Amino acid sequence: MDRQAPRTVVEATVIGSANPCGRLLAQGQRYRSAAHCLLDNGFEQITAERLGVFGVAVFVREY
């Protein structure tokens, strides 16, 4: 695996609503685009862990 390749979404779990970013959370979509959409729409990034070429990020939005 190429560590320099753009990161992509492998799996996403949504509890509640991720609107208007839901389409960007589909498998194969670019992580950076999804993260920017979430942050621009009131989500806060709680954690991000890099695990070699993989990683986990958690975003939360409170109403």
PDB file of N, CA and C in Angstrom:
ATOM      1  N   MET A   1       0.838  -1.185   0.000  1.00  0.00           N
ATOM      2  CA  MET A   1       0.000   0.000   0.000  1.00  0.00           C
ATOM      3  C   MET A   1       0.882   1.246   0.000  1.00  0.00           C
ATOM      4  N   ASP A   2       0.450   2.237  -0.709  1.00  0.00           N
ATOM      5  CA  ASP A   2       1.196   3.481  -0.850  1.00  0.00           C
ATOM      6  C   ASP A   2       0.781   4.462   0.238  1.00  0.00           C
ATOM      7  N   ARG A   3       1.700   4.787   1.141  1.00  0.00           N
ATOM      8  CA  ARG A   3       1.392   5.720   2.232  1.00  0.00           C
ATOM      9  C   ARG A   3       1.122   7.135   1.727  1.00  0.00           C
ATOM     10  N   GLN A   4       1.562   7.452   0.513  1.00  0.00           N
ATOM     11  CA  GLN A   4       1.365   8.789  -0.047  1.00  0.00           C
ATOM     12  C   GLN A   4       0.040   8.922  -0.802  1.00  0.00           C
ATOM     13  N   ALA A   5      -0.636   7.816  -1.036  1.00  0.00           N
ATOM     14  CA  ALA A   5      -1.915   7.859  -1.754  1.00  0.00           C
ATOM     15  C   ALA A   5      -2.959   8.573  -0.899  1.00  0.00           C
ATOM     16  N   PRO A   6      -3.899   9.274  -1.540  1.00  0.00           N
ATOM     17  CA  PRO A   6      -4.958   9.937  -0.777  1.00  0.00           C
ATOM     18  C   PRO A   6      -5.746   8.925   0.053  1.00  0.00           C
ATOM     19  N   ARG A   7      -6.063   9.296   1.279  1.00  0.00           N
ATOM     20  CA  ARG A   7      -6.859   8.417   2.138  1.00  0.00           C
ATOM     21  C   ARG A   7      -8.301   8.395   1.645  1.00  0.00           C
ATOM     22  N   THR A   8      -8.912   7.220   1.723  1.00  0.00           N
ATOM     23  CA  THR A   8     -10.301   7.069   1.307  1.00  0.00           C
ATOM     24  C   THR A   8     -11.113   6.444   2.433  1.00  0.00           C
ATOM     25  N   VAL A   9     -12.417   6.630   2.358  1.00  0.00           N
ATOM     26  CA  VAL A   9     -13.340   6.043   3.323  1.00  0.00           C
ATOM     27  C   VAL A   9     -13.454   4.553   3.019  1.00  0.00           C
ATOM     28  N   VAL A  10     -13.263   3.731   4.036  1.00  0.00           N
ATOM     29  CA  VAL A  10     -13.437   2.289   3.905  1.00  0.00           C
ATOM     30  C   VAL A  10     -14.776   1.896   4.507  1.00  0.00           C
ATOM     31  N   GLU A  11     -15.105   2.495   5.645  1.00  0.00           N
ATOM     32  CA  GLU A  11     -16.367   2.199   6.321  1.00  0.00           C
ATOM     33  C   GLU A  11     -16.751   3.405   7.159  1.00  0.00           C
ATOM     34  N   ALA A  12     -18.036   3.702   7.233  1.00  0.00           N
ATOM     35  CA  ALA A  12     -18.528   4.798   8.060  1.00  0.00           C
ATOM     36  C   ALA A  12     -19.789   4.347   8.777  1.00  0.00           C
ATOM     37  N   THR A  13     -19.883   4.698  10.035  1.00  0.00           N
ATOM     38  CA  THR A  13     -21.078   4.431  10.825  1.00  0.00           C
ATOM     39  C   THR A  13     -21.658   5.772  11.250  1.00  0.00           C
ATOM     40  N   VAL A  14     -22.930   5.991  10.966  1.00  0.00           N
ATOM     41  CA  VAL A  14     -23.592   7.241  11.314  1.00  0.00           C
ATOM     42  C   VAL A  14     -24.700   6.931  12.306  1.00  0.00           C
ATOM     43  N   ILE A  15     -24.679   7.626  13.419  1.00  0.00           N
ATOM     44  CA  ILE A  15     -25.760   7.534  14.401  1.00  0.00           C
ATOM     45  C   ILE A  15     -26.475   8.874  14.344  1.00  0.00           C
ATOM     46  N   GLY A  16     -27.706   8.873  13.897  1.00  0.00           N
ATOM     47  CA  GLY A  16     -28.423  10.124  13.691  1.00  0.00           C
ATOM     48  C   GLY A  16     -28.318  10.535  12.235  1.00  0.00           C
ATOM     49  N   SER A  17     -27.862  11.762  12.001  1.00  0.00           N
ATOM     50  CA  SER A  17     -27.791  12.287  10.640  1.00  0.00           C
ATOM     51  C   SER A  17     -26.430  12.912  10.370  1.00  0.00           C
ATOM     52  N   ALA A  18     -25.914  12.688   9.177  1.00  0.00           N
ATOM     53  CA  ALA A  18     -24.669  13.323   8.743  1.00  0.00           C
ATOM     54  C   ALA A  18     -24.948  14.299   7.605  1.00  0.00           C
ATOM     55  N   ASN A  19     -26.219  14.661   7.411  1.00  0.00           N
ATOM     56  CA  ASN A  19     -26.580  15.588   6.333  1.00  0.00           C
ATOM     57  C   ASN A  19     -25.847  16.901   6.504  1.00  0.00           C
ATOM     58  N   PRO A  20     -25.376  17.485   5.439  1.00  0.00           N
ATOM     59  CA  PRO A  20     -25.490  17.115   4.035  1.00  0.00           C
ATOM     60  C   PRO A  20     -24.298  16.309   3.519  1.00  0.00           C
ATOM     61  N   CYS A  21     -23.572  15.655   4.408  1.00  0.00           N
ATOM     62  CA  CYS A  21     -22.306  14.996   4.038  1.00  0.00           C
ATOM     63  C   CYS A  21     -22.421  13.496   3.819  1.00  0.00           C
ATOM     64  N   GLY A  22     -23.592  12.938   3.948  1.00  0.00           N
ATOM     65  CA  GLY A  22     -23.762  11.490   3.878  1.00  0.00           C
ATOM     66  C   GLY A  22     -23.192  10.844   2.630  1.00  0.00           C
ATOM     67  N   ARG A  23     -23.353  11.492   1.486  1.00  0.00           N
ATOM     68  CA  ARG A  23     -22.860  10.912   0.221  1.00  0.00           C
ATOM     69  C   ARG A  23     -21.346  10.818   0.205  1.00  0.00           C
ATOM     70  N   LEU A  24     -20.664  11.671   0.975  1.00  0.00           N
ATOM     71  CA  LEU A  24     -19.196  11.658   1.015  1.00  0.00           C
ATOM     72  C   LEU A  24     -18.647  10.586   1.947  1.00  0.00           C
ATOM     73  N   LEU A  25     -19.527   9.936   2.702  1.00  0.00           N
ATOM     74  CA  LEU A  25     -19.098   8.903   3.646  1.00  0.00           C
ATOM     75  C   LEU A  25     -19.171   7.504   3.043  1.00  0.00           C
ATOM     76  N   ALA A  26     -19.445   7.418   1.768  1.00  0.00           N
ATOM     77  CA  ALA A  26     -19.531   6.120   1.089  1.00  0.00           C
ATOM     78  C   ALA A  26     -18.137   5.552   0.845  1.00  0.00           C
ATOM     79  N   GLN A  27     -18.067   4.239   0.810  1.00  0.00           N
ATOM     80  CA  GLN A  27     -16.795   3.554   0.567  1.00  0.00           C
ATOM     81  C   GLN A  27     -16.150   4.058  -0.719  1.00  0.00           C
ATOM     82  N   GLY A  28     -14.860   4.371  -0.632  1.00  0.00           N
ATOM     83  CA  GLY A  28     -14.104   4.827  -1.791  1.00  0.00           C
ATOM     84  C   GLY A  28     -14.021   6.335  -1.948  1.00  0.00           C
ATOM     85  N   GLN A  29     -14.861   7.075  -1.211  1.00  0.00           N
ATOM     86  CA  GLN A  29     -14.803   8.536  -1.279  1.00  0.00           C
ATOM     87  C   GLN A  29     -13.559   9.042  -0.545  1.00  0.00           C
ATOM     88  N   ARG A  30     -13.095  10.217  -0.898  1.00  0.00           N
ATOM     89  CA  ARG A  30     -11.904  10.779  -0.258  1.00  0.00           C
ATOM     90  C   ARG A  30     -12.201  11.221   1.170  1.00  0.00           C
ATOM     91  N   TYR A  31     -11.327  10.802   2.081  1.00  0.00           N
ATOM     92  CA  TYR A  31     -11.472  11.152   3.493  1.00  0.00           C
ATOM     93  C   TYR A  31     -11.433  12.665   3.680  1.00  0.00           C
ATOM     94  N   ARG A  32     -10.502  13.326   3.023  1.00  0.00           N
ATOM     95  CA  ARG A  32     -10.332  14.773   3.213  1.00  0.00           C
ATOM     96  C   ARG A  32     -11.607  15.534   2.857  1.00  0.00           C
ATOM     97  N   SER A  33     -12.264  15.165   1.766  1.00  0.00           N
ATOM     98  CA  SER A  33     -13.511  15.825   1.361  1.00  0.00           C
ATOM     99  C   SER A  33     -14.597  15.603   2.399  1.00  0.00           C
ATOM    100  N   ALA A  34     -14.710  14.374   2.882  1.00  0.00           N
ATOM    101  CA  ALA A  34     -15.716  14.057   3.896  1.00  0.00           C
ATOM    102  C   ALA A  34     -15.436  14.820   5.184  1.00  0.00           C
ATOM    103  N   ALA A  35     -14.183  14.845   5.619  1.00  0.00           N
ATOM    104  CA  ALA A  35     -13.822  15.536   6.860  1.00  0.00           C
ATOM    105  C   ALA A  35     -14.111  17.028   6.754  1.00  0.00           C
ATOM    106  N   HIS A  36     -13.753  17.650   5.633  1.00  0.00           N
ATOM    107  CA  HIS A  36     -14.021  19.081   5.457  1.00  0.00           C
ATOM    108  C   HIS A  36     -15.517  19.362   5.481  1.00  0.00           C
ATOM    109  N   CYS A  37     -16.305  18.521   4.828  1.00  0.00           N
ATOM    110  CA  CYS A  37     -17.754  18.698   4.822  1.00  0.00           C
ATOM    111  C   CYS A  37     -18.309  18.615   6.239  1.00  0.00           C
ATOM    112  N   LEU A  38     -17.893  17.598   6.975  1.00  0.00           N
ATOM    113  CA  LEU A  38     -18.379  17.440   8.344  1.00  0.00           C
ATOM    114  C   LEU A  38     -18.006  18.646   9.200  1.00  0.00           C
ATOM    115  N   LEU A  39     -16.757  19.078   9.136  1.00  0.00           N
ATOM    116  CA  LEU A  39     -16.302  20.219   9.937  1.00  0.00           C
ATOM    117  C   LEU A  39     -17.024  21.505   9.542  1.00  0.00           C
ATOM    118  N   ASP A  40     -17.279  21.693   8.255  1.00  0.00           N
ATOM    119  CA  ASP A  40     -17.976  22.891   7.772  1.00  0.00           C
ATOM    120  C   ASP A  40     -19.453  22.896   8.143  1.00  0.00           C
ATOM    121  N   ASN A  41     -19.979  21.747   8.576  1.00  0.00           N
ATOM    122  CA  ASN A  41     -21.404  21.640   8.894  1.00  0.00           C
ATOM    123  C   ASN A  41     -21.661  21.343  10.360  1.00  0.00           C
ATOM    124  N   GLY A  42     -20.790  21.838  11.223  1.00  0.00           N
ATOM    125  CA  GLY A  42     -21.047  21.803  12.655  1.00  0.00           C
ATOM    126  C   GLY A  42     -20.517  20.610  13.410  1.00  0.00           C
ATOM    127  N   PHE A  43     -19.821  19.705  12.737  1.00  0.00           N
ATOM    128  CA  PHE A  43     -19.230  18.567  13.434  1.00  0.00           C
ATOM    129  C   PHE A  43     -17.900  18.975  14.043  1.00  0.00           C
ATOM    130  N   GLU A  44     -17.542  18.326  15.117  1.00  0.00           N
ATOM    131  CA  GLU A  44     -16.245  18.502  15.755  1.00  0.00           C
ATOM    132  C   GLU A  44     -15.509  17.174  15.673  1.00  0.00           C
ATOM    133  N   GLN A  45     -14.239  17.220  15.314  1.00  0.00           N
ATOM    134  CA  GLN A  45     -13.453  15.986  15.274  1.00  0.00           C
ATOM    135  C   GLN A  45     -12.974  15.698  16.686  1.00  0.00           C
ATOM    136  N   ILE A  46     -13.428  14.568  17.243  1.00  0.00           N
ATOM    137  CA  ILE A  46     -13.114  14.187  18.614  1.00  0.00           C
ATOM    138  C   ILE A  46     -11.770  13.484  18.696  1.00  0.00           C
ATOM    139  N   THR A  47     -11.492  12.619  17.754  1.00  0.00           N
ATOM    140  CA  THR A  47     -10.230  11.879  17.760  1.00  0.00           C
ATOM    141  C   THR A  47      -9.874  11.445  16.346  1.00  0.00           C
ATOM    142  N   ALA A  48      -8.602  11.232  16.136  1.00  0.00           N
ATOM    143  CA  ALA A  48      -8.106  10.679  14.874  1.00  0.00           C
ATOM    144  C   ALA A  48      -6.869   9.858  15.199  1.00  0.00           C
ATOM    145  N   GLU A  49      -6.885   8.600  14.851  1.00  0.00           N
ATOM    146  CA  GLU A  49      -5.767   7.686  15.118  1.00  0.00           C
ATOM    147  C   GLU A  49      -5.267   7.116  13.807  1.00  0.00           C
ATOM    148  N   ARG A  50      -3.976   7.180  13.582  1.00  0.00           N
ATOM    149  CA  ARG A  50      -3.365   6.549  12.407  1.00  0.00           C
ATOM    150  C   ARG A  50      -2.848   5.187  12.826  1.00  0.00           C
ATOM    151  N   LEU A  51      -3.208   4.178  12.065  1.00  0.00           N
ATOM    152  CA  LEU A  51      -2.801   2.806  12.336  1.00  0.00           C
ATOM    153  C   LEU A  51      -2.114   2.262  11.090  1.00  0.00           C
ATOM    154  N   GLY A  52      -0.875   2.673  10.874  1.00  0.00           N
ATOM    155  CA  GLY A  52      -0.185   2.298   9.640  1.00  0.00           C
ATOM    156  C   GLY A  52      -0.838   2.991   8.467  1.00  0.00           C
ATOM    157  N   VAL A  53      -1.272   2.225   7.473  1.00  0.00           N
ATOM    158  CA  VAL A  53      -1.942   2.818   6.317  1.00  0.00           C
ATOM    159  C   VAL A  53      -3.428   3.034   6.583  1.00  0.00           C
ATOM    160  N   PHE A  54      -3.912   2.550   7.713  1.00  0.00           N
ATOM    161  CA  PHE A  54      -5.313   2.705   8.080  1.00  0.00           C
ATOM    162  C   PHE A  54      -5.449   3.768   9.158  1.00  0.00           C
ATOM    163  N   GLY A  55      -6.667   4.133   9.481  1.00  0.00           N
ATOM    164  CA  GLY A  55      -6.901   5.099  10.537  1.00  0.00           C
ATOM    165  C   GLY A  55      -8.359   5.115  10.932  1.00  0.00           C
ATOM    166  N   VAL A  56      -8.622   5.777  12.049  1.00  0.00           N
ATOM    167  CA  VAL A  56      -9.975   5.913  12.570  1.00  0.00           C
ATOM    168  C   VAL A  56     -10.168   7.372  12.966  1.00  0.00           C
ATOM    169  N   ALA A  57     -11.283   7.949  12.591  1.00  0.00           N
ATOM    170  CA  ALA A  57     -11.612   9.313  12.990  1.00  0.00           C
ATOM    171  C   ALA A  57     -13.042   9.326  13.513  1.00  0.00           C
ATOM    172  N   VAL A  58     -13.282  10.127  14.552  1.00  0.00           N
ATOM    173  CA  VAL A  58     -14.616  10.240  15.139  1.00  0.00           C
ATOM    174  C   VAL A  58     -15.028  11.711  15.093  1.00  0.00           C
ATOM    175  N   PHE A  59     -16.217  11.953  14.529  1.00  0.00           N
ATOM    176  CA  PHE A  59     -16.780  13.299  14.444  1.00  0.00           C
ATOM    177  C   PHE A  59     -18.114  13.307  15.184  1.00  0.00           C
ATOM    178  N   VAL A  60     -18.402  14.404  15.895  1.00  0.00           N
ATOM    179  CA  VAL A  60     -19.645  14.522  16.662  1.00  0.00           C
ATOM    180  C   VAL A  60     -20.256  15.896  16.388  1.00  0.00           C
ATOM    181  N   ARG A  61     -21.582  15.911  16.255  1.00  0.00           N
ATOM    182  CA  ARG A  61     -22.312  17.184  16.129  1.00  0.00           C
ATOM    183  C   ARG A  61     -23.448  17.147  17.131  1.00  0.00           C
ATOM    184  N   GLU A  62     -23.551  18.197  17.925  1.00  0.00           N
ATOM    185  CA  GLU A  62     -24.640  18.301  18.897  1.00  0.00           C
ATOM    186  C   GLU A  62     -25.626  19.350  18.419  1.00  0.00           C
ATOM    187  N   TYR A  63     -26.898  19.069  18.616  1.00  0.00           N
ATOM    188  CA  TYR A  63     -27.938  20.029  18.225  1.00  0.00           C
ATOM    189  C   TYR A  63     -28.373  20.822  19.407  1.00  0.00           C
TER     190      TYR A  63
END
